[in-house]
């Protein structure tokens, strides 16, 4: 299935699987990750199983696992102002 055709549940399952893989590579238990991310073990279990999570949890867990790059990919810094481009075009 192409990335653009995935359902929300499929995205959650894929991200959860990636979180689980990263946690295991870091040789962390769910309890270790939960403690470092300041969330409950149940929250980590839900996240890894694709049962849903909050944005706050995803951010906390991604940071603990060294994947802040995921967050930057979601919201890259704005380098060009759309208003400045429009103003330049109208000159």
PDB file of N, CA and C in Angstrom:
ATOM      1  N   UNK A   1       0.849  -1.184   0.000  1.00  0.00           N
ATOM      2  CA  UNK A   1       0.000   0.000   0.000  1.00  0.00           C
ATOM      3  C   UNK A   1       0.891   1.242   0.000  1.00  0.00           C
ATOM      4  N   UNK A   2       0.534   2.241  -0.808  1.00  0.00           N
ATOM      5  CA  UNK A   2       1.330   3.464  -0.840  1.00  0.00           C
ATOM      6  C   UNK A   2       1.111   4.264   0.434  1.00  0.00           C
ATOM      7  N   UNK A   3       2.099   5.061   0.761  1.00  0.00           N
ATOM      8  CA  UNK A   3       2.051   5.859   1.985  1.00  0.00           C
ATOM      9  C   UNK A   3       0.826   6.769   2.034  1.00  0.00           C
ATOM     10  N   UNK A   4       0.427   7.312   0.899  1.00  0.00           N
ATOM     11  CA  UNK A   4      -0.704   8.240   0.880  1.00  0.00           C
ATOM     12  C   UNK A   4      -2.046   7.542   1.041  1.00  0.00           C
ATOM     13  N   UNK A   5      -2.070   6.245   0.875  1.00  0.00           N
ATOM     14  CA  UNK A   5      -3.315   5.492   0.966  1.00  0.00           C
ATOM     15  C   UNK A   5      -3.510   4.798   2.313  1.00  0.00           C
ATOM     16  N   UNK A   6      -2.538   4.929   3.207  1.00  0.00           N
ATOM     17  CA  UNK A   6      -2.654   4.277   4.504  1.00  0.00           C
ATOM     18  C   UNK A   6      -3.775   4.899   5.326  1.00  0.00           C
ATOM     19  N   UNK A   7      -4.441   4.059   6.077  1.00  0.00           N
ATOM     20  CA  UNK A   7      -5.445   4.557   7.010  1.00  0.00           C
ATOM     21  C   UNK A   7      -4.740   5.059   8.270  1.00  0.00           C
ATOM     22  N   UNK A   8      -5.463   5.776   9.094  1.00  0.00           N
ATOM     23  CA  UNK A   8      -4.894   6.244  10.356  1.00  0.00           C
ATOM     24  C   UNK A   8      -4.433   5.059  11.191  1.00  0.00           C
ATOM     25  N   UNK A   9      -5.247   4.004  11.233  1.00  0.00           N
ATOM     26  CA  UNK A   9      -4.874   2.809  12.004  1.00  0.00           C
ATOM     27  C   UNK A   9      -3.577   2.192  11.471  1.00  0.00           C
ATOM     28  N   UNK A  10      -3.396   2.189  10.168  1.00  0.00           N
ATOM     29  CA  UNK A  10      -2.164   1.649   9.581  1.00  0.00           C
ATOM     30  C   UNK A  10      -0.956   2.515   9.942  1.00  0.00           C
ATOM     31  N   UNK A  11      -1.128   3.824   9.896  1.00  0.00           N
ATOM     32  CA  UNK A  11      -0.044   4.724  10.305  1.00  0.00           C
ATOM     33  C   UNK A  11       0.314   4.504  11.764  1.00  0.00           C
ATOM     34  N   UNK A  12      -0.704   4.384  12.619  1.00  0.00           N
ATOM     35  CA  UNK A  12      -0.452   4.155  14.052  1.00  0.00           C
ATOM     36  C   UNK A  12       0.285   2.839  14.267  1.00  0.00           C
ATOM     37  N   UNK A  13      -0.113   1.800  13.562  1.00  0.00           N
ATOM     38  CA  UNK A  13       0.547   0.502  13.696  1.00  0.00           C
ATOM     39  C   UNK A  13       1.991   0.572  13.208  1.00  0.00           C
ATOM     40  N   UNK A  14       2.221   1.234  12.086  1.00  0.00           N
ATOM     41  CA  UNK A  14       3.582   1.363  11.559  1.00  0.00           C
ATOM     42  C   UNK A  14       4.479   2.152  12.507  1.00  0.00           C
ATOM     43  N   UNK A  15       3.982   3.281  12.993  1.00  0.00           N
ATOM     44  CA  UNK A  15       4.774   4.088  13.929  1.00  0.00           C
ATOM     45  C   UNK A  15       5.024   3.334  15.229  1.00  0.00           C
ATOM     46  N   UNK A  16       4.013   2.641  15.705  1.00  0.00           N
ATOM     47  CA  UNK A  16       4.167   1.845  16.919  1.00  0.00           C
ATOM     48  C   UNK A  16       5.229   0.774  16.755  1.00  0.00           C
ATOM     49  N   UNK A  17       5.238   0.130  15.604  1.00  0.00           N
ATOM     50  CA  UNK A  17       6.256  -0.880  15.325  1.00  0.00           C
ATOM     51  C   UNK A  17       7.647  -0.293  15.274  1.00  0.00           C
ATOM     52  N   UNK A  18       7.762   0.895  14.704  1.00  0.00           N
ATOM     53  CA  UNK A  18       9.067   1.562  14.654  1.00  0.00           C
ATOM     54  C   UNK A  18       9.535   1.958  16.051  1.00  0.00           C
ATOM     55  N   UNK A  19       8.606   2.440  16.873  1.00  0.00           N
ATOM     56  CA  UNK A  19       8.940   2.781  18.259  1.00  0.00           C
ATOM     57  C   UNK A  19       9.447   1.532  18.983  1.00  0.00           C
ATOM     58  N   UNK A  20       8.727   0.420  18.845  1.00  0.00           N
ATOM     59  CA  UNK A  20       9.124  -0.843  19.491  1.00  0.00           C
ATOM     60  C   UNK A  20      10.531  -1.260  19.042  1.00  0.00           C
ATOM     61  N   UNK A  21      10.784  -1.195  17.741  1.00  0.00           N
ATOM     62  CA  UNK A  21      12.096  -1.571  17.206  1.00  0.00           C
ATOM     63  C   UNK A  21      13.200  -0.682  17.776  1.00  0.00           C
ATOM     64  N   UNK A  22      12.962   0.621  17.806  1.00  0.00           N
ATOM     65  CA  UNK A  22      13.961   1.540  18.357  1.00  0.00           C
ATOM     66  C   UNK A  22      14.203   1.280  19.839  1.00  0.00           C
ATOM     67  N   UNK A  23      13.140   1.019  20.579  1.00  0.00           N
ATOM     68  CA  UNK A  23      13.272   0.741  22.007  1.00  0.00           C
ATOM     69  C   UNK A  23      14.117  -0.506  22.224  1.00  0.00           C
ATOM     70  N   UNK A  24      13.827  -1.546  21.461  1.00  0.00           N
ATOM     71  CA  UNK A  24      14.578  -2.801  21.604  1.00  0.00           C
ATOM     72  C   UNK A  24      16.035  -2.630  21.214  1.00  0.00           C
ATOM     73  N   UNK A  25      16.290  -1.881  20.142  1.00  0.00           N
ATOM     74  CA  UNK A  25      17.682  -1.625  19.734  1.00  0.00           C
ATOM     75  C   UNK A  25      18.450  -0.882  20.826  1.00  0.00           C
ATOM     76  N   UNK A  26      17.731  -0.023  21.545  1.00  0.00           N
ATOM     77  CA  UNK A  26      18.342   0.728  22.648  1.00  0.00           C
ATOM     78  C   UNK A  26      18.440  -0.117  23.917  1.00  0.00           C
ATOM     79  N   UNK A  27      17.997  -1.381  23.805  1.00  0.00           N
ATOM     80  CA  UNK A  27      18.007  -2.313  24.931  1.00  0.00           C
ATOM     81  C   UNK A  27      17.264  -1.750  26.138  1.00  0.00           C
ATOM     82  N   UNK A  28      16.098  -1.176  25.841  1.00  0.00           N
ATOM     83  CA  UNK A  28      15.238  -0.612  26.878  1.00  0.00           C
ATOM     84  C   UNK A  28      13.989  -1.476  27.015  1.00  0.00           C
ATOM     85  N   UNK A  29      13.506  -1.603  28.242  1.00  0.00           N
ATOM     86  CA  UNK A  29      12.211  -2.234  28.459  1.00  0.00           C
ATOM     87  C   UNK A  29      11.137  -1.169  28.262  1.00  0.00           C
ATOM     88  N   UNK A  30       9.895  -1.605  28.174  1.00  0.00           N
ATOM     89  CA  UNK A  30       8.803  -0.633  28.112  1.00  0.00           C
ATOM     90  C   UNK A  30       8.807   0.234  29.368  1.00  0.00           C
ATOM     91  N   UNK A  31       9.131  -0.369  30.494  1.00  0.00           N
ATOM     92  CA  UNK A  31       9.187   0.382  31.756  1.00  0.00           C
ATOM     93  C   UNK A  31      10.288   1.448  31.708  1.00  0.00           C
ATOM     94  N   UNK A  32      11.449   1.096  31.151  1.00  0.00           N
ATOM     95  CA  UNK A  32      12.553   2.066  31.025  1.00  0.00           C
ATOM     96  C   UNK A  32      12.127   3.255  30.168  1.00  0.00           C
ATOM     97  N   UNK A  33      11.524   2.945  29.029  1.00  0.00           N
ATOM     98  CA  UNK A  33      11.101   4.006  28.112  1.00  0.00           C
ATOM     99  C   UNK A  33      10.023   4.865  28.750  1.00  0.00           C
ATOM    100  N   UNK A  34       9.070   4.225  29.397  1.00  0.00           N
ATOM    101  CA  UNK A  34       7.990   4.971  30.048  1.00  0.00           C
ATOM    102  C   UNK A  34       8.555   5.931  31.095  1.00  0.00           C
ATOM    103  N   UNK A  35       9.489   5.438  31.885  1.00  0.00           N
ATOM    104  CA  UNK A  35      10.088   6.274  32.925  1.00  0.00           C
ATOM    105  C   UNK A  35      10.845   7.458  32.322  1.00  0.00           C
ATOM    106  N   UNK A  36      11.634   7.194  31.281  1.00  0.00           N
ATOM    107  CA  UNK A  36      12.414   8.259  30.639  1.00  0.00           C
ATOM    108  C   UNK A  36      11.527   9.285  29.942  1.00  0.00           C
ATOM    109  N   UNK A  37      10.401   8.830  29.399  1.00  0.00           N
ATOM    110  CA  UNK A  37       9.491   9.731  28.680  1.00  0.00           C
ATOM    111  C   UNK A  37       8.438  10.338  29.605  1.00  0.00           C
ATOM    112  N   UNK A  38       8.453   9.917  30.879  1.00  0.00           N
ATOM    113  CA  UNK A  38       7.510  10.430  31.878  1.00  0.00           C
ATOM    114  C   UNK A  38       6.053  10.116  31.512  1.00  0.00           C
ATOM    115  N   UNK A  39       5.848   8.872  31.076  1.00  0.00           N
ATOM    116  CA  UNK A  39       4.503   8.371  30.773  1.00  0.00           C
ATOM    117  C   UNK A  39       4.352   7.001  31.425  1.00  0.00           C
ATOM    118  N   UNK A  40       3.159   6.443  31.383  1.00  0.00           N
ATOM    119  CA  UNK A  40       2.931   5.134  31.991  1.00  0.00           C
ATOM    120  C   UNK A  40       3.346   4.009  31.042  1.00  0.00           C
ATOM    121  N   UNK A  41       3.570   2.840  31.620  1.00  0.00           N
ATOM    122  CA  UNK A  41       3.895   1.662  30.817  1.00  0.00           C
ATOM    123  C   UNK A  41       2.732   1.347  29.882  1.00  0.00           C
ATOM    124  N   UNK A  42       1.507   1.505  30.358  1.00  0.00           N
ATOM    125  CA  UNK A  42       0.335   1.272  29.517  1.00  0.00           C
ATOM    126  C   UNK A  42       0.312   2.188  28.306  1.00  0.00           C
ATOM    127  N   UNK A  43       0.772   3.406  28.485  1.00  0.00           N
ATOM    128  CA  UNK A  43       0.836   4.359  27.371  1.00  0.00           C
ATOM    129  C   UNK A  43       1.824   3.876  26.321  1.00  0.00           C
ATOM    130  N   UNK A  44       2.972   3.375  26.768  1.00  0.00           N
ATOM    131  CA  UNK A  44       3.964   2.835  25.831  1.00  0.00           C
ATOM    132  C   UNK A  44       3.398   1.600  25.133  1.00  0.00           C
ATOM    133  N   UNK A  45       2.733   0.752  25.875  1.00  0.00           N
ATOM    134  CA  UNK A  45       2.114  -0.446  25.301  1.00  0.00           C
ATOM    135  C   UNK A  45       1.119  -0.044  24.208  1.00  0.00           C
ATOM    136  N   UNK A  46       0.281   0.948  24.503  1.00  0.00           N
ATOM    137  CA  UNK A  46      -0.700   1.417  23.506  1.00  0.00           C
ATOM    138  C   UNK A  46      -0.014   1.992  22.273  1.00  0.00           C
ATOM    139  N   UNK A  47       1.002   2.801  22.495  1.00  0.00           N
ATOM    140  CA  UNK A  47       1.716   3.414  21.386  1.00  0.00           C
ATOM    141  C   UNK A  47       2.341   2.344  20.490  1.00  0.00           C
ATOM    142  N   UNK A  48       3.024   1.387  21.095  1.00  0.00           N
ATOM    143  CA  UNK A  48       3.690   0.346  20.322  1.00  0.00           C
ATOM    144  C   UNK A  48       2.720  -0.580  19.597  1.00  0.00           C
ATOM    145  N   UNK A  49       1.545  -0.766  20.150  1.00  0.00           N
ATOM    146  CA  UNK A  49       0.577  -1.669  19.521  1.00  0.00           C
ATOM    147  C   UNK A  49      -0.301  -0.960  18.493  1.00  0.00           C
ATOM    148  N   UNK A  50      -0.118   0.354  18.350  1.00  0.00           N
ATOM    149  CA  UNK A  50      -0.920   1.102  17.390  1.00  0.00           C
ATOM    150  C   UNK A  50      -2.303   1.429  17.897  1.00  0.00           C
ATOM    151  N   UNK A  51      -2.480   1.367  19.223  1.00  0.00           N
ATOM    152  CA  UNK A  51      -3.799   1.622  19.815  1.00  0.00           C
ATOM    153  C   UNK A  51      -4.049   3.105  20.049  1.00  0.00           C
ATOM    154  N   UNK A  52      -3.175   3.940  19.559  1.00  0.00           N
ATOM    155  CA  UNK A  52      -3.363   5.375  19.693  1.00  0.00           C
ATOM    156  C   UNK A  52      -2.519   5.971  20.793  1.00  0.00           C
ATOM    157  N   UNK A  53      -2.310   7.254  20.689  1.00  0.00           N
ATOM    158  CA  UNK A  53      -1.493   7.974  21.646  1.00  0.00           C
ATOM    159  C   UNK A  53      -1.733   9.461  21.452  1.00  0.00           C
ATOM    160  N   UNK A  54      -1.204  10.241  22.363  1.00  0.00           N
ATOM    161  CA  UNK A  54      -1.313  11.690  22.202  1.00  0.00           C
ATOM    162  C   UNK A  54      -0.061  12.213  21.505  1.00  0.00           C
ATOM    163  N   UNK A  55      -0.162  13.391  20.992  1.00  0.00           N
ATOM    164  CA  UNK A  55       0.992  14.034  20.376  1.00  0.00           C
ATOM    165  C   UNK A  55       2.087  14.256  21.413  1.00  0.00           C
ATOM    166  N   UNK A  56       1.687  14.618  22.619  1.00  0.00           N
ATOM    167  CA  UNK A  56       2.653  14.828  23.700  1.00  0.00           C
ATOM    168  C   UNK A  56       3.458  13.561  23.950  1.00  0.00           C
ATOM    169  N   UNK A  57       2.771  12.421  23.987  1.00  0.00           N
ATOM    170  CA  UNK A  57       3.462  11.154  24.204  1.00  0.00           C
ATOM    171  C   UNK A  57       4.412  10.848  23.059  1.00  0.00           C
ATOM    172  N   UNK A  58       3.960  11.024  21.830  1.00  0.00           N
ATOM    173  CA  UNK A  58       4.809  10.748  20.679  1.00  0.00           C
ATOM    174  C   UNK A  58       6.057  11.621  20.701  1.00  0.00           C
ATOM    175  N   UNK A  59       5.901  12.897  21.019  1.00  0.00           N
ATOM    176  CA  UNK A  59       7.043  13.810  21.089  1.00  0.00           C
ATOM    177  C   UNK A  59       8.009  13.357  22.183  1.00  0.00           C
ATOM    178  N   UNK A  60       7.492  13.054  23.363  1.00  0.00           N
ATOM    179  CA  UNK A  60       8.343  12.626  24.477  1.00  0.00           C
ATOM    180  C   UNK A  60       9.112  11.364  24.143  1.00  0.00           C
ATOM    181  N   UNK A  61       8.429  10.383  23.580  1.00  0.00           N
ATOM    182  CA  UNK A  61       9.055   9.106  23.251  1.00  0.00           C
ATOM    183  C   UNK A  61      10.071   9.275  22.125  1.00  0.00           C
ATOM    184  N   UNK A  62       9.735  10.032  21.100  1.00  0.00           N
ATOM    185  CA  UNK A  62      10.664  10.261  19.986  1.00  0.00           C
ATOM    186  C   UNK A  62      11.942  10.926  20.490  1.00  0.00           C
ATOM    187  N   UNK A  63      11.809  11.875  21.384  1.00  0.00           N
ATOM    188  CA  UNK A  63      12.992  12.550  21.936  1.00  0.00           C
ATOM    189  C   UNK A  63      13.858  11.584  22.731  1.00  0.00           C
ATOM    190  N   UNK A  64      13.245  10.755  23.571  1.00  0.00           N
ATOM    191  CA  UNK A  64      14.004   9.791  24.372  1.00  0.00           C
ATOM    192  C   UNK A  64      14.751   8.815  23.465  1.00  0.00           C
ATOM    193  N   UNK A  65      14.122   8.406  22.374  1.00  0.00           N
ATOM    194  CA  UNK A  65      14.723   7.436  21.458  1.00  0.00           C
ATOM    195  C   UNK A  65      15.659   8.082  20.434  1.00  0.00           C
ATOM    196  N   UNK A  66      15.901   9.383  20.576  1.00  0.00           N
ATOM    197  CA  UNK A  66      16.828  10.066  19.676  1.00  0.00           C
ATOM    198  C   UNK A  66      16.284  10.279  18.281  1.00  0.00           C
ATOM    199  N   UNK A  67      14.971  10.403  18.155  1.00  0.00           N
ATOM    200  CA  UNK A  67      14.360  10.596  16.844  1.00  0.00           C
ATOM    201  C   UNK A  67      13.655  11.940  16.716  1.00  0.00           C
ATOM    202  N   UNK A  68      14.296  12.980  17.213  1.00  0.00           N
ATOM    203  CA  UNK A  68      13.744  14.324  17.049  1.00  0.00           C
ATOM    204  C   UNK A  68      13.639  14.697  15.575  1.00  0.00           C
ATOM    205  N   UNK A  69      14.425  14.013  14.733  1.00  0.00           N
ATOM    206  CA  UNK A  69      14.344  14.267  13.296  1.00  0.00           C
ATOM    207  C   UNK A  69      12.949  13.977  12.749  1.00  0.00           C
ATOM    208  N   UNK A  70      12.244  13.008  13.368  1.00  0.00           N
ATOM    209  CA  UNK A  70      10.857  12.745  12.963  1.00  0.00           C
ATOM    210  C   UNK A  70      10.015  13.997  13.157  1.00  0.00           C
ATOM    211  N   UNK A  71      10.235  14.665  14.268  1.00  0.00           N
ATOM    212  CA  UNK A  71       9.445  15.854  14.599  1.00  0.00           C
ATOM    213  C   UNK A  71       9.767  16.989  13.647  1.00  0.00           C
ATOM    214  N   UNK A  72      11.031  17.134  13.315  1.00  0.00           N
ATOM    215  CA  UNK A  72      11.421  18.177  12.361  1.00  0.00           C
ATOM    216  C   UNK A  72      10.847  17.901  10.978  1.00  0.00           C
ATOM    217  N   UNK A  73      10.729  16.634  10.615  1.00  0.00           N
ATOM    218  CA  UNK A  73      10.144  16.289   9.316  1.00  0.00           C
ATOM    219  C   UNK A  73       8.662  16.645   9.271  1.00  0.00           C
ATOM    220  N   UNK A  74       7.994  16.570  10.428  1.00  0.00           N
ATOM    221  CA  UNK A  74       6.571  16.919  10.490  1.00  0.00           C
ATOM    222  C   UNK A  74       6.345  18.422  10.400  1.00  0.00           C
ATOM    223  N   UNK A  75       7.271  19.173  10.955  1.00  0.00           N
ATOM    224  CA  UNK A  75       7.102  20.628  10.999  1.00  0.00           C
ATOM    225  C   UNK A  75       8.442  21.311  10.719  1.00  0.00           C
ATOM    226  N   UNK A  76       8.888  21.278   9.464  1.00  0.00           N
ATOM    227  CA  UNK A  76      10.170  21.915   9.156  1.00  0.00           C
ATOM    228  C   UNK A  76      10.101  23.422   9.357  1.00  0.00           C
ATOM    229  N   UNK A  77      11.217  24.030   9.705  1.00  0.00           N
ATOM    230  CA  UNK A  77      11.218  25.479   9.891  1.00  0.00           C
ATOM    231  C   UNK A  77      10.863  26.195   8.581  1.00  0.00           C
ATOM    232  N   UNK A  78      10.118  27.253   8.703  1.00  0.00           N
ATOM    233  CA  UNK A  78       9.740  28.051   7.534  1.00  0.00           C
ATOM    234  C   UNK A  78      10.924  28.931   7.181  1.00  0.00           C
ATOM    235  N   UNK A  79      11.374  28.829   5.942  1.00  0.00           N
ATOM    236  CA  UNK A  79      12.530  29.613   5.516  1.00  0.00           C
ATOM    237  C   UNK A  79      12.141  30.752   4.585  1.00  0.00           C
ATOM    238  N   UNK A  80      10.970  30.657   3.973  1.00  0.00           N
ATOM    239  CA  UNK A  80      10.504  31.695   3.062  1.00  0.00           C
ATOM    240  C   UNK A  80       9.110  32.123   3.503  1.00  0.00           C
ATOM    241  N   UNK A  81       8.925  33.412   3.619  1.00  0.00           N
ATOM    242  CA  UNK A  81       7.624  33.931   4.000  1.00  0.00           C
ATOM    243  C   UNK A  81       6.725  33.992   2.764  1.00  0.00           C
ATOM    244  N   UNK A  82       5.577  33.322   2.813  1.00  0.00           N
ATOM    245  CA  UNK A  82       4.657  33.399   1.677  1.00  0.00           C
ATOM    246  C   UNK A  82       4.214  34.831   1.394  1.00  0.00           C
ATOM    247  N   UNK A  83       4.079  35.633   2.430  1.00  0.00           N
ATOM    248  CA  UNK A  83       3.696  37.033   2.220  1.00  0.00           C
ATOM    249  C   UNK A  83       4.804  37.819   1.528  1.00  0.00           C
ATOM    250  N   UNK A  84       6.054  37.536   1.876  1.00  0.00           N
ATOM    251  CA  UNK A  84       7.171  38.209   1.212  1.00  0.00           C
ATOM    252  C   UNK A  84       7.237  37.807  -0.253  1.00  0.00           C
ATOM    253  N   UNK A  85       6.958  36.540  -0.562  1.00  0.00           N
ATOM    254  CA  UNK A  85       6.955  36.089  -1.947  1.00  0.00           C
ATOM    255  C   UNK A  85       5.851  36.789  -2.740  1.00  0.00           C
ATOM    256  N   UNK A  86       4.686  36.911  -2.146  1.00  0.00           N
ATOM    257  CA  UNK A  86       3.573  37.576  -2.812  1.00  0.00           C
ATOM    258  C   UNK A  86       3.903  39.044  -3.036  1.00  0.00           C
ATOM    259  N   UNK A  87       4.491  39.676  -2.035  1.00  0.00           N
ATOM    260  CA  UNK A  87       4.862  41.082  -2.149  1.00  0.00           C
ATOM    261  C   UNK A  87       5.904  41.274  -3.258  1.00  0.00           C
ATOM    262  N   UNK A  88       6.893  40.387  -3.333  1.00  0.00           N
ATOM    263  CA  UNK A  88       7.925  40.481  -4.362  1.00  0.00           C
ATOM    264  C   UNK A  88       7.347  40.266  -5.748  1.00  0.00           C
ATOM    265  N   UNK A  89       6.382  39.382  -5.851  1.00  0.00           N
ATOM    266  CA  UNK A  89       5.765  39.096  -7.140  1.00  0.00           C
ATOM    267  C   UNK A  89       4.928  40.283  -7.621  1.00  0.00           C
ATOM    268  N   UNK A  90       4.324  41.016  -6.687  1.00  0.00           N
ATOM    269  CA  UNK A  90       3.485  42.138  -7.049  1.00  0.00           C
ATOM    270  C   UNK A  90       4.268  43.408  -7.375  1.00  0.00           C
ATOM    271  N   UNK A  91       5.563  43.393  -7.167  1.00  0.00           N
ATOM    272  CA  UNK A  91       6.383  44.595  -7.458  1.00  0.00           C
ATOM    273  C   UNK A  91       6.732  44.708  -8.902  1.00  0.00           C
TER     274      UNK A  91
END
